[in-house]
C-alpha atoms as a PDB file:
ATOM      1  CA  MET A   1     131.355  98.713 112.660  1.00  0.00           C
ATOM      2  CA  THR A   2     128.907  97.231 115.160  1.00  0.00           C
ATOM      3  CA  ILE A   3     125.455  98.639 115.866  1.00  0.00           C
ATOM      4  CA  ALA A   4     126.603  99.908 119.298  1.00  0.00           C
ATOM      5  CA  GLU A   5     129.526 101.806 117.726  1.00  0.00           C
ATOM      6  CA  PHE A   6     127.189 103.122 115.050  1.00  0.00           C
ATOM      7  CA  LYS A   7     124.710 104.500 117.600  1.00  0.00           C
ATOM      8  CA  LYS A   8     127.509 105.986 119.693  1.00  0.00           C
ATOM      9  CA  ASN A   9     129.163 107.809 116.772  1.00  0.00           C
ATOM     10  CA  LEU A  10     126.140 108.637 114.592  1.00  0.00           C
ATOM     11  CA  PRO A  11     126.745 112.415 114.230  1.00  0.00           C
ATOM     12  CA  VAL A  12     130.388 111.856 113.237  1.00  0.00           C
ATOM     13  CA  LEU A  13     129.443 109.096 110.816  1.00  0.00           C
ATOM     14  CA  LEU A  14     126.783 111.247 109.147  1.00  0.00           C
ATOM     15  CA  GLY A  15     129.472 113.862 108.529  1.00  0.00           C
ATOM     16  CA  GLU A  16     131.676 111.226 106.882  1.00  0.00           C
ATOM     17  CA  VAL A  17     128.773 110.048 104.727  1.00  0.00           C
ATOM     18  CA  ALA A  18     128.093 113.651 103.673  1.00  0.00           C
ATOM     19  CA  ARG A  19     131.702 113.803 102.450  1.00  0.00           C
ATOM     20  CA  GLY A  20     131.130 110.683 100.315  1.00  0.00           C
ATOM     21  CA  ALA A  21     132.135 107.731 102.510  1.00  0.00           C
ATOM     22  CA  SER A  22     130.083 104.543 102.794  1.00  0.00           C
ATOM     23  CA  ILE A  23     129.774 102.763 106.149  1.00  0.00           C
ATOM     24  CA  VAL A  24     128.920  99.089 106.690  1.00  0.00           C
ATOM     25  CA  VAL A  25     127.012  98.259 109.877  1.00  0.00           C
ATOM     26  CA  GLN A  26     127.427  94.744 111.292  1.00  0.00           C
ATOM     27  CA  LYS A  27     125.306  92.854 113.793  1.00  0.00           C
ATOM     28  CA  GLY A  28     125.758  90.008 116.207  1.00  0.00           C
ATOM     29  CA  ARG A  29     128.824  88.224 117.451  1.00  0.00           C
ATOM     30  CA  SER A  30     129.526  86.902 113.987  1.00  0.00           C
ATOM     31  CA  ARG A  31     129.532  90.489 112.747  1.00  0.00           C
ATOM     32  CA  GLU A  32     127.525  89.721 109.645  1.00  0.00           C
ATOM     33  CA  ASN A  33     126.850  92.745 107.452  1.00  0.00           C
ATOM     34  CA  ALA A  34     123.400  94.183 108.181  1.00  0.00           C
ATOM     35  CA  ALA A  35     123.250  97.552 106.401  1.00  0.00           C
ATOM     36  CA  ILE A  36     125.176 100.131 104.430  1.00  0.00           C
ATOM     37  CA  LEU A  37     124.971 103.852 105.127  1.00  0.00           C
ATOM     38  CA  ALA A  38     125.898 105.625 101.902  1.00  0.00           C
ATOM     39  CA  PRO A  39     125.422 109.079 100.379  1.00  0.00           C
ATOM     40  CA  TYR A  40     121.970 109.604  98.881  1.00  0.00           C
ATOM     41  CA  SER A  41     123.393 110.447  95.459  1.00  0.00           C
ATOM     42  CA  SER A  42     125.052 107.012  95.210  1.00  0.00           C
ATOM     43  CA  ALA A  43     121.754 105.250  95.950  1.00  0.00           C
ATOM     44  CA  GLN A  44     120.122 106.324  92.676  1.00  0.00           C
ATOM     45  CA  PRO A  45     119.268 103.295  90.510  1.00  0.00           C
ATOM     46  CA  PRO A  46     120.897 103.028  87.097  1.00  0.00           C
ATOM     47  CA  PRO A  47     118.725 103.926  84.101  1.00  0.00           C
ATOM     48  CA  ARG A  48     116.497 101.100  82.893  1.00  0.00           C
ATOM     49  CA  GLN A  49     117.552  99.144  79.858  1.00  0.00           C
ATOM     50  CA  LEU A  50     115.009  98.054  77.286  1.00  0.00           C
ATOM     51  CA  GLY A  51     115.022  94.392  76.330  1.00  0.00           C
ATOM     52  CA  LEU A  52     114.152  92.726  73.041  1.00  0.00           C
ATOM     53  CA  LEU A  53     112.156  95.665  71.708  1.00  0.00           C
ATOM     54  CA  SER A  54     114.823  98.288  72.397  1.00  0.00           C
ATOM     55  CA  LYS A  55     115.093  99.266  68.719  1.00  0.00           C
ATOM     56  CA  ARG A  56     111.320  99.557  68.262  1.00  0.00           C
ATOM     57  CA  GLY A  57     110.508 102.347  70.667  1.00  0.00           C
ATOM     58  CA  LYS A  58     111.234 104.102  73.883  1.00  0.00           C
ATOM     59  CA  PRO A  59     109.520 104.016  77.272  1.00  0.00           C
ATOM     60  CA  VAL A  60     106.942 106.698  77.927  1.00  0.00           C
ATOM     61  CA  PHE A  61     106.199 107.651  81.513  1.00  0.00           C
ATOM     62  CA  LYS A  62     103.154 109.853  81.933  1.00  0.00           C
ATOM     63  CA  ASN A  63     102.053 111.842  84.926  1.00  0.00           C
ATOM     64  CA  TRP A  64      99.536 109.496  86.540  1.00  0.00           C
ATOM     65  CA  ASN A  65      98.367 111.881  89.270  1.00  0.00           C
ATOM     66  CA  MET A  66      94.634 111.450  89.791  1.00  0.00           C
ATOM     67  CA  SER A  67      92.217 112.719  92.406  1.00  0.00           C
ATOM     68  CA  ASP A  68      90.183 110.290  94.494  1.00  0.00           C
ATOM     69  CA  ASP A  69      86.974 111.426  92.786  1.00  0.00           C
ATOM     70  CA  ASP A  70      88.402 110.784  89.308  1.00  0.00           C
ATOM     71  CA  PHE A  71      89.591 107.355  90.418  1.00  0.00           C
ATOM     72  CA  LEU A  72      86.176 106.371  91.829  1.00  0.00           C
ATOM     73  CA  LYS A  73      84.142 107.833  88.931  1.00  0.00           C
ATOM     74  CA  PRO A  74      83.939 104.548  86.921  1.00  0.00           C
ATOM     75  CA  PHE A  75      82.661 102.716  89.991  1.00  0.00           C
ATOM     76  CA  THR A  76      79.778 105.042  90.824  1.00  0.00           C
ATOM     77  CA  GLY A  77      76.241 104.183  89.786  1.00  0.00           C
ATOM     78  CA  PHE A  78      76.412 100.478  90.548  1.00  0.00           C
ATOM     79  CA  PRO A  79      73.747  99.092  92.891  1.00  0.00           C
ATOM     80  CA  ALA A  80      74.974  98.458  96.407  1.00  0.00           C
ATOM     81  CA  ARG A  81      75.714  94.883  97.408  1.00  0.00           C
ATOM     82  CA  PRO A  82      73.125  93.305  99.664  1.00  0.00           C
ATOM     83  CA  ALA A  83      74.016  93.386 103.342  1.00  0.00           C
ATOM     84  CA  THR A  84      73.098  89.743 103.874  1.00  0.00           C
ATOM     85  CA  SER A  85      75.658  87.080 103.312  1.00  0.00           C
ATOM     86  CA  MET A  86      75.211  83.914 101.307  1.00  0.00           C
ATOM     87  CA  PRO A  87      73.063  81.265 103.034  1.00  0.00           C
ATOM     88  CA  ARG A  88      75.092  78.487 104.600  1.00  0.00           C
ATOM     89  CA  GLN A  89      75.025  75.150 102.889  1.00  0.00           C
ATOM     90  CA  PRO A  90      73.892  72.259 105.089  1.00  0.00           C
ATOM     91  CA  GLN A  91      76.815  70.184 106.230  1.00  0.00           C
ATOM     92  CA  ALA A  92      76.906  66.581 105.093  1.00  0.00           C
ATOM     93  CA  LYS A  93      76.779  64.134 107.958  1.00  0.00           C
ATOM     94  CA  CYS A  94      79.330  61.420 107.818  1.00  0.00           C
ATOM     95  CA  TRP A  95      78.991  58.412 110.120  1.00  0.00           C
ATOM     96  CA  ILE A  96      82.011  56.260 110.531  1.00  0.00           C
END
């Protein structure tokens, strides 16, 4: 399906996708595949597989939510950087 057909029939196509169909959108005269419109449930990634250490443990995912104040707490108390920049080094003169 070309992009023009896709834009023209979008409401109908969304109904088909809701029923489980996948739609390939093509672009250009060569009609190369540009995108796939698929149901959201089919887009879920497969569960991650552990590698060499799979028999030694399991992954632990913690809740890493943090407020801005908690994030910046370790960085408070340092002296401010000076506003002046580094002095420029004199340029070497090269005569050819």
